[in-house]
Amino acid sequence: MSSEWNDPRPMAPHLQVWRWHGAMLSSILHRASAIICYVALFLVAAGLLVLALTGKLPLAGLVFSPLGAIGLFVFLFAFLFMAVAQLRHAIWNRGSMLDPQKNNLLSYVMVGVSLITSLIITLLISGVL
């Protein structure tokens, strides 16, 4: 049985076919943020368990180092991005901003708000501001 398909492009949407846009970026970031939040939740829970059992904060030198500040920034970005994504879903549930141009703009605003807010909070906690 022969196939009638003669287009050399992939049949499924793929990065070679689709151009990057805001909604695609926010979808990928939302999935990555969920993974980051779960890993961070596990690390915080394990750290609190060790703190409760031994009275010492595990890896305290790492937590309060520049590398710890970077980790805090990544976690804050993931957490804030997921929170802002929930606001976007509330907007969508009202039937607003569903057309592609407004959706892409909303996605870029989500990334920007999450980046700026997490940077400010990280700098405040680190004592830079």
N, C-alpha and C. Protein backbone atom coordinates (compact mmCIF):
# COMPACT_ATOMS: atom_id res chain seq x y z
N MET A 1 0.84 -1.17 0.00
CA MET A 1 0.00 0.00 0.00
C MET A 1 0.88 1.23 0.00
N SER A 2 0.71 2.12 -0.94
CA SER A 2 1.56 3.31 -1.02
C SER A 2 0.88 4.50 -0.36
N SER A 3 1.69 5.40 0.11
CA SER A 3 1.19 6.59 0.79
C SER A 3 1.09 7.74 -0.20
N GLU A 4 0.09 8.57 -0.01
CA GLU A 4 -0.09 9.74 -0.87
C GLU A 4 0.67 10.95 -0.34
N TRP A 5 1.29 10.81 0.82
CA TRP A 5 1.99 11.92 1.45
C TRP A 5 3.34 12.13 0.78
N ASN A 6 3.55 13.30 0.16
CA ASN A 6 4.82 13.56 -0.50
C ASN A 6 5.47 14.85 -0.02
N ASP A 7 4.96 15.44 1.04
CA ASP A 7 5.54 16.65 1.60
C ASP A 7 6.75 16.26 2.46
N PRO A 8 7.93 16.87 2.23
CA PRO A 8 9.12 16.47 3.00
C PRO A 8 9.11 16.97 4.45
N ARG A 9 8.20 17.89 4.77
CA ARG A 9 8.14 18.39 6.14
C ARG A 9 7.54 17.35 7.07
N PRO A 10 7.89 17.43 8.36
CA PRO A 10 7.29 16.49 9.32
C PRO A 10 5.78 16.66 9.39
N MET A 11 5.05 15.55 9.63
CA MET A 11 3.60 15.63 9.71
C MET A 11 3.14 16.28 11.00
N ALA A 12 3.89 16.09 12.08
CA ALA A 12 3.54 16.68 13.36
C ALA A 12 4.23 18.04 13.49
N PRO A 13 3.62 18.97 14.24
CA PRO A 13 4.28 20.26 14.45
C PRO A 13 5.65 20.04 15.09
N HIS A 14 6.64 20.75 14.60
CA HIS A 14 8.00 20.58 15.06
C HIS A 14 8.69 21.94 15.02
N LEU A 15 9.79 22.06 15.74
CA LEU A 15 10.49 23.34 15.80
C LEU A 15 11.03 23.77 14.44
N GLN A 16 11.22 22.82 13.51
CA GLN A 16 11.67 23.20 12.18
C GLN A 16 10.53 23.80 11.36
N VAL A 17 9.30 23.55 11.76
CA VAL A 17 8.14 24.04 11.03
C VAL A 17 7.58 25.30 11.67
N TRP A 18 7.46 25.29 13.01
CA TRP A 18 6.84 26.39 13.73
C TRP A 18 7.86 27.46 14.07
N ARG A 19 7.44 28.72 13.99
CA ARG A 19 8.26 29.82 14.47
C ARG A 19 8.00 29.98 15.97
N TRP A 20 9.01 30.42 16.70
CA TRP A 20 8.83 30.69 18.13
C TRP A 20 7.87 31.84 18.30
N HIS A 21 7.01 31.73 19.29
CA HIS A 21 6.11 32.82 19.63
C HIS A 21 5.86 32.77 21.13
N GLY A 22 5.22 33.80 21.64
CA GLY A 22 5.05 33.95 23.08
C GLY A 22 4.30 32.81 23.74
N ALA A 23 3.25 32.34 23.11
CA ALA A 23 2.47 31.25 23.71
C ALA A 23 3.29 29.97 23.80
N MET A 24 4.12 29.71 22.80
CA MET A 24 4.98 28.52 22.83
C MET A 24 6.00 28.65 23.95
N LEU A 25 6.60 29.84 24.08
CA LEU A 25 7.57 30.09 25.14
C LEU A 25 6.94 29.91 26.51
N SER A 26 5.76 30.49 26.71
CA SER A 26 5.13 30.37 28.03
C SER A 26 4.70 28.94 28.32
N SER A 27 4.32 28.20 27.32
CA SER A 27 3.95 26.80 27.53
C SER A 27 5.15 25.98 27.99
N ILE A 28 6.28 26.17 27.33
CA ILE A 28 7.49 25.44 27.71
C ILE A 28 7.96 25.88 29.09
N LEU A 29 7.95 27.19 29.35
CA LEU A 29 8.37 27.69 30.66
C LEU A 29 7.45 27.21 31.78
N HIS A 30 6.17 27.07 31.47
CA HIS A 30 5.24 26.60 32.49
C HIS A 30 5.56 25.16 32.89
N ARG A 31 5.88 24.32 31.92
CA ARG A 31 6.25 22.94 32.23
C ARG A 31 7.56 22.88 33.01
N ALA A 32 8.54 23.66 32.58
CA ALA A 32 9.83 23.70 33.28
C ALA A 32 9.66 24.26 34.69
N SER A 33 8.82 25.26 34.84
CA SER A 33 8.58 25.85 36.17
C SER A 33 7.96 24.84 37.12
N ALA A 34 7.07 24.01 36.62
CA ALA A 34 6.47 22.99 37.48
C ALA A 34 7.53 22.02 37.98
N ILE A 35 8.43 21.60 37.10
CA ILE A 35 9.50 20.69 37.51
C ILE A 35 10.40 21.36 38.53
N ILE A 36 10.78 22.62 38.29
CA ILE A 36 11.65 23.35 39.21
C ILE A 36 10.99 23.50 40.57
N CYS A 37 9.71 23.80 40.59
CA CYS A 37 9.00 23.97 41.87
C CYS A 37 8.93 22.66 42.65
N TYR A 38 8.71 21.54 41.96
CA TYR A 38 8.67 20.25 42.64
C TYR A 38 10.04 19.89 43.22
N VAL A 39 11.10 20.12 42.45
CA VAL A 39 12.45 19.83 42.94
C VAL A 39 12.77 20.73 44.14
N ALA A 40 12.44 22.03 44.04
CA ALA A 40 12.71 22.95 45.14
C ALA A 40 11.91 22.58 46.38
N LEU A 41 10.67 22.17 46.19
CA LEU A 41 9.86 21.75 47.33
C LEU A 41 10.48 20.55 48.03
N PHE A 42 10.97 19.59 47.25
CA PHE A 42 11.63 18.43 47.84
C PHE A 42 12.89 18.84 48.60
N LEU A 43 13.71 19.74 48.01
CA LEU A 43 14.94 20.17 48.67
C LEU A 43 14.65 20.93 49.96
N VAL A 44 13.64 21.79 49.94
CA VAL A 44 13.28 22.53 51.16
C VAL A 44 12.76 21.57 52.23
N ALA A 45 11.94 20.61 51.84
CA ALA A 45 11.42 19.64 52.81
C ALA A 45 12.56 18.81 53.40
N ALA A 46 13.49 18.36 52.56
CA ALA A 46 14.63 17.58 53.06
C ALA A 46 15.49 18.44 53.97
N GLY A 47 15.71 19.69 53.60
CA GLY A 47 16.50 20.59 54.43
C GLY A 47 15.84 20.85 55.78
N LEU A 48 14.54 21.03 55.78
CA LEU A 48 13.83 21.24 57.05
C LEU A 48 13.85 19.99 57.92
N LEU A 49 13.79 18.83 57.30
CA LEU A 49 13.87 17.59 58.06
C LEU A 49 15.24 17.45 58.72
N VAL A 50 16.30 17.73 57.96
CA VAL A 50 17.65 17.67 58.52
C VAL A 50 17.82 18.72 59.61
N LEU A 51 17.29 19.91 59.40
CA LEU A 51 17.36 20.97 60.41
C LEU A 51 16.64 20.55 61.69
N ALA A 52 15.50 19.92 61.56
CA ALA A 52 14.74 19.47 62.73
C ALA A 52 15.47 18.36 63.47
N LEU A 53 16.13 17.47 62.75
CA LEU A 53 16.81 16.34 63.38
C LEU A 53 18.16 16.69 63.98
N THR A 54 18.91 17.59 63.31
CA THR A 54 20.28 17.88 63.75
C THR A 54 20.45 19.27 64.35
N GLY A 55 19.55 20.17 64.07
CA GLY A 55 19.69 21.54 64.55
C GLY A 55 20.62 22.38 63.68
N LYS A 56 21.11 21.82 62.58
CA LYS A 56 22.00 22.55 61.67
C LYS A 56 21.37 22.61 60.29
N LEU A 57 21.50 23.76 59.65
CA LEU A 57 21.01 23.92 58.28
C LEU A 57 21.98 23.24 57.33
N PRO A 58 21.52 22.25 56.56
CA PRO A 58 22.45 21.57 55.65
C PRO A 58 22.89 22.50 54.53
N LEU A 59 24.17 22.43 54.21
CA LEU A 59 24.76 23.23 53.13
C LEU A 59 24.54 24.73 53.33
N ALA A 60 24.65 25.20 54.57
CA ALA A 60 24.40 26.61 54.87
C ALA A 60 25.34 27.52 54.09
N GLY A 61 26.58 27.08 53.90
CA GLY A 61 27.53 27.89 53.13
C GLY A 61 27.09 28.04 51.68
N LEU A 62 26.52 27.01 51.12
CA LEU A 62 26.06 27.06 49.74
C LEU A 62 24.79 27.90 49.62
N VAL A 63 23.90 27.76 50.60
CA VAL A 63 22.63 28.48 50.55
C VAL A 63 22.86 29.99 50.58
N PHE A 64 23.83 30.43 51.37
CA PHE A 64 24.07 31.87 51.52
C PHE A 64 25.22 32.38 50.65
N SER A 65 25.52 31.68 49.58
CA SER A 65 26.57 32.08 48.64
C SER A 65 25.93 32.68 47.38
N PRO A 66 26.75 33.22 46.48
CA PRO A 66 26.19 33.69 45.20
C PRO A 66 25.47 32.59 44.42
N LEU A 67 25.98 31.35 44.52
CA LEU A 67 25.29 30.24 43.85
C LEU A 67 23.91 30.01 44.46
N GLY A 68 23.81 30.19 45.77
CA GLY A 68 22.52 30.08 46.44
C GLY A 68 21.56 31.17 45.99
N ALA A 69 22.11 32.38 45.74
CA ALA A 69 21.27 33.48 45.24
C ALA A 69 20.75 33.17 43.85
N ILE A 70 21.58 32.54 43.04
CA ILE A 70 21.13 32.14 41.69
C ILE A 70 20.02 31.10 41.80
N GLY A 71 20.21 30.14 42.69
CA GLY A 71 19.17 29.12 42.91
C GLY A 71 17.88 29.74 43.40
N LEU A 72 18.01 30.71 44.30
CA LEU A 72 16.82 31.42 44.80
C LEU A 72 16.11 32.15 43.66
N PHE A 73 16.89 32.80 42.79
CA PHE A 73 16.31 33.51 41.65
C PHE A 73 15.55 32.55 40.74
N VAL A 74 16.16 31.40 40.44
CA VAL A 74 15.52 30.42 39.56
C VAL A 74 14.22 29.92 40.18
N PHE A 75 14.27 29.59 41.49
CA PHE A 75 13.06 29.12 42.15
C PHE A 75 11.99 30.20 42.18
N LEU A 76 12.38 31.43 42.52
CA LEU A 76 11.39 32.52 42.56
C LEU A 76 10.78 32.76 41.19
N PHE A 77 11.61 32.71 40.14
CA PHE A 77 11.07 32.90 38.80
C PHE A 77 10.04 31.81 38.49
N ALA A 78 10.39 30.56 38.78
CA ALA A 78 9.48 29.45 38.49
C ALA A 78 8.18 29.60 39.26
N PHE A 79 8.29 29.93 40.54
CA PHE A 79 7.11 30.07 41.38
C PHE A 79 6.23 31.24 40.93
N LEU A 80 6.86 32.39 40.68
CA LEU A 80 6.09 33.56 40.25
C LEU A 80 5.52 33.37 38.86
N PHE A 81 6.26 32.70 37.98
CA PHE A 81 5.74 32.45 36.64
C PHE A 81 4.49 31.58 36.70
N MET A 82 4.51 30.56 37.55
CA MET A 82 3.32 29.71 37.67
C MET A 82 2.15 30.48 38.27
N ALA A 83 2.43 31.39 39.21
CA ALA A 83 1.36 32.21 39.78
C ALA A 83 0.76 33.14 38.73
N VAL A 84 1.62 33.76 37.93
CA VAL A 84 1.13 34.66 36.88
C VAL A 84 0.39 33.86 35.80
N ALA A 85 0.84 32.64 35.56
CA ALA A 85 0.14 31.79 34.58
C ALA A 85 -1.28 31.50 35.03
N GLN A 86 -1.48 31.38 36.33
CA GLN A 86 -2.85 31.17 36.83
C GLN A 86 -3.72 32.40 36.58
N LEU A 87 -3.12 33.58 36.68
CA LEU A 87 -3.87 34.80 36.34
C LEU A 87 -4.24 34.81 34.85
N ARG A 88 -3.30 34.35 34.02
CA ARG A 88 -3.59 34.28 32.59
C ARG A 88 -4.75 33.33 32.32
N HIS A 89 -4.79 32.21 33.02
CA HIS A 89 -5.90 31.26 32.84
C HIS A 89 -7.21 31.88 33.30
N ALA A 90 -7.17 32.71 34.35
CA ALA A 90 -8.38 33.40 34.79
C ALA A 90 -8.85 34.37 33.71
N ILE A 91 -7.91 35.04 33.05
CA ILE A 91 -8.26 35.95 31.95
C ILE A 91 -8.87 35.16 30.81
N TRP A 92 -8.28 34.03 30.48
CA TRP A 92 -8.80 33.20 29.40
C TRP A 92 -10.19 32.67 29.74
N ASN A 93 -10.42 32.33 31.00
CA ASN A 93 -11.72 31.80 31.40
C ASN A 93 -12.83 32.82 31.21
N ARG A 94 -12.47 34.10 31.22
CA ARG A 94 -13.45 35.16 30.95
C ARG A 94 -13.68 35.32 29.45
N GLY A 95 -12.88 34.64 28.64
CA GLY A 95 -13.01 34.75 27.19
C GLY A 95 -12.22 35.91 26.61
N SER A 96 -11.28 36.46 27.38
CA SER A 96 -10.49 37.60 26.94
C SER A 96 -9.11 37.16 26.46
N MET A 97 -8.53 37.94 25.58
CA MET A 97 -7.15 37.80 25.10
C MET A 97 -6.89 36.42 24.50
N LEU A 98 -7.83 35.89 23.76
CA LEU A 98 -7.66 34.57 23.16
C LEU A 98 -7.09 34.63 21.75
N ASP A 99 -7.13 35.80 21.10
CA ASP A 99 -6.58 35.85 19.75
C ASP A 99 -5.05 35.80 19.83
N PRO A 100 -4.39 35.29 18.80
CA PRO A 100 -2.95 35.02 18.88
C PRO A 100 -2.08 36.23 19.23
N GLN A 101 -2.37 37.40 18.69
CA GLN A 101 -1.53 38.56 18.97
C GLN A 101 -1.62 38.95 20.45
N LYS A 102 -2.82 39.03 20.99
CA LYS A 102 -2.97 39.38 22.41
C LYS A 102 -2.44 38.28 23.31
N ASN A 103 -2.61 37.03 22.91
CA ASN A 103 -2.10 35.91 23.68
C ASN A 103 -0.58 35.94 23.76
N ASN A 104 0.07 36.22 22.63
CA ASN A 104 1.53 36.31 22.62
C ASN A 104 2.01 37.48 23.47
N LEU A 105 1.32 38.62 23.37
CA LEU A 105 1.68 39.78 24.19
C LEU A 105 1.54 39.44 25.67
N LEU A 106 0.45 38.80 26.04
CA LEU A 106 0.23 38.41 27.43
C LEU A 106 1.31 37.45 27.90
N SER A 107 1.75 36.56 27.04
CA SER A 107 2.80 35.61 27.40
C SER A 107 4.13 36.32 27.64
N TYR A 108 4.47 37.29 26.79
CA TYR A 108 5.71 38.05 27.00
C TYR A 108 5.63 38.89 28.26
N VAL A 109 4.46 39.45 28.55
CA VAL A 109 4.28 40.23 29.78
C VAL A 109 4.46 39.32 31.00
N MET A 110 3.94 38.10 30.93
CA MET A 110 4.10 37.14 32.02
C MET A 110 5.58 36.88 32.31
N VAL A 111 6.35 36.64 31.26
CA VAL A 111 7.78 36.37 31.43
C VAL A 111 8.48 37.60 32.02
N GLY A 112 8.16 38.77 31.50
CA GLY A 112 8.78 40.00 31.99
C GLY A 112 8.46 40.29 33.44
N VAL A 113 7.19 40.17 33.81
CA VAL A 113 6.79 40.41 35.20
C VAL A 113 7.46 39.41 36.13
N SER A 114 7.52 38.17 35.74
CA SER A 114 8.15 37.14 36.58
C SER A 114 9.65 37.39 36.73
N LEU A 115 10.33 37.76 35.64
CA LEU A 115 11.76 38.03 35.71
C LEU A 115 12.06 39.22 36.60
N ILE A 116 11.36 40.33 36.39
CA ILE A 116 11.63 41.54 37.14
C ILE A 116 11.31 41.36 38.62
N THR A 117 10.17 40.76 38.91
CA THR A 117 9.78 40.56 40.31
C THR A 117 10.74 39.62 41.02
N SER A 118 11.12 38.53 40.38
CA SER A 118 12.04 37.60 41.03
C SER A 118 13.42 38.21 41.19
N LEU A 119 13.87 39.04 40.26
CA LEU A 119 15.15 39.72 40.40
C LEU A 119 15.13 40.69 41.58
N ILE A 120 14.07 41.47 41.71
CA ILE A 120 13.96 42.42 42.81
C ILE A 120 13.93 41.68 44.16
N ILE A 121 13.15 40.63 44.25
CA ILE A 121 13.07 39.88 45.52
C ILE A 121 14.40 39.24 45.85
N THR A 122 15.09 38.68 44.85
CA THR A 122 16.40 38.07 45.08
C THR A 122 17.39 39.10 45.57
N LEU A 123 17.42 40.27 44.95
CA LEU A 123 18.34 41.32 45.37
C LEU A 123 18.01 41.83 46.77
N LEU A 124 16.73 41.91 47.11
CA LEU A 124 16.35 42.34 48.46
C LEU A 124 16.77 41.30 49.50
N ILE A 125 16.53 40.04 49.22
CA ILE A 125 16.89 38.98 50.18
C ILE A 125 18.41 38.87 50.31
N SER A 126 19.14 39.06 49.20
CA SER A 126 20.58 38.95 49.23
C SER A 126 21.24 40.14 49.90
N GLY A 127 20.49 41.21 50.11
CA GLY A 127 21.04 42.39 50.75
C GLY A 127 21.71 43.36 49.80
N VAL A 128 21.54 43.18 48.50
CA VAL A 128 22.14 44.08 47.53
C VAL A 128 21.35 45.39 47.47
N LEU A 129 20.03 45.33 47.58
CA LEU A 129 19.18 46.53 47.57
C LEU A 129 18.81 46.93 48.98
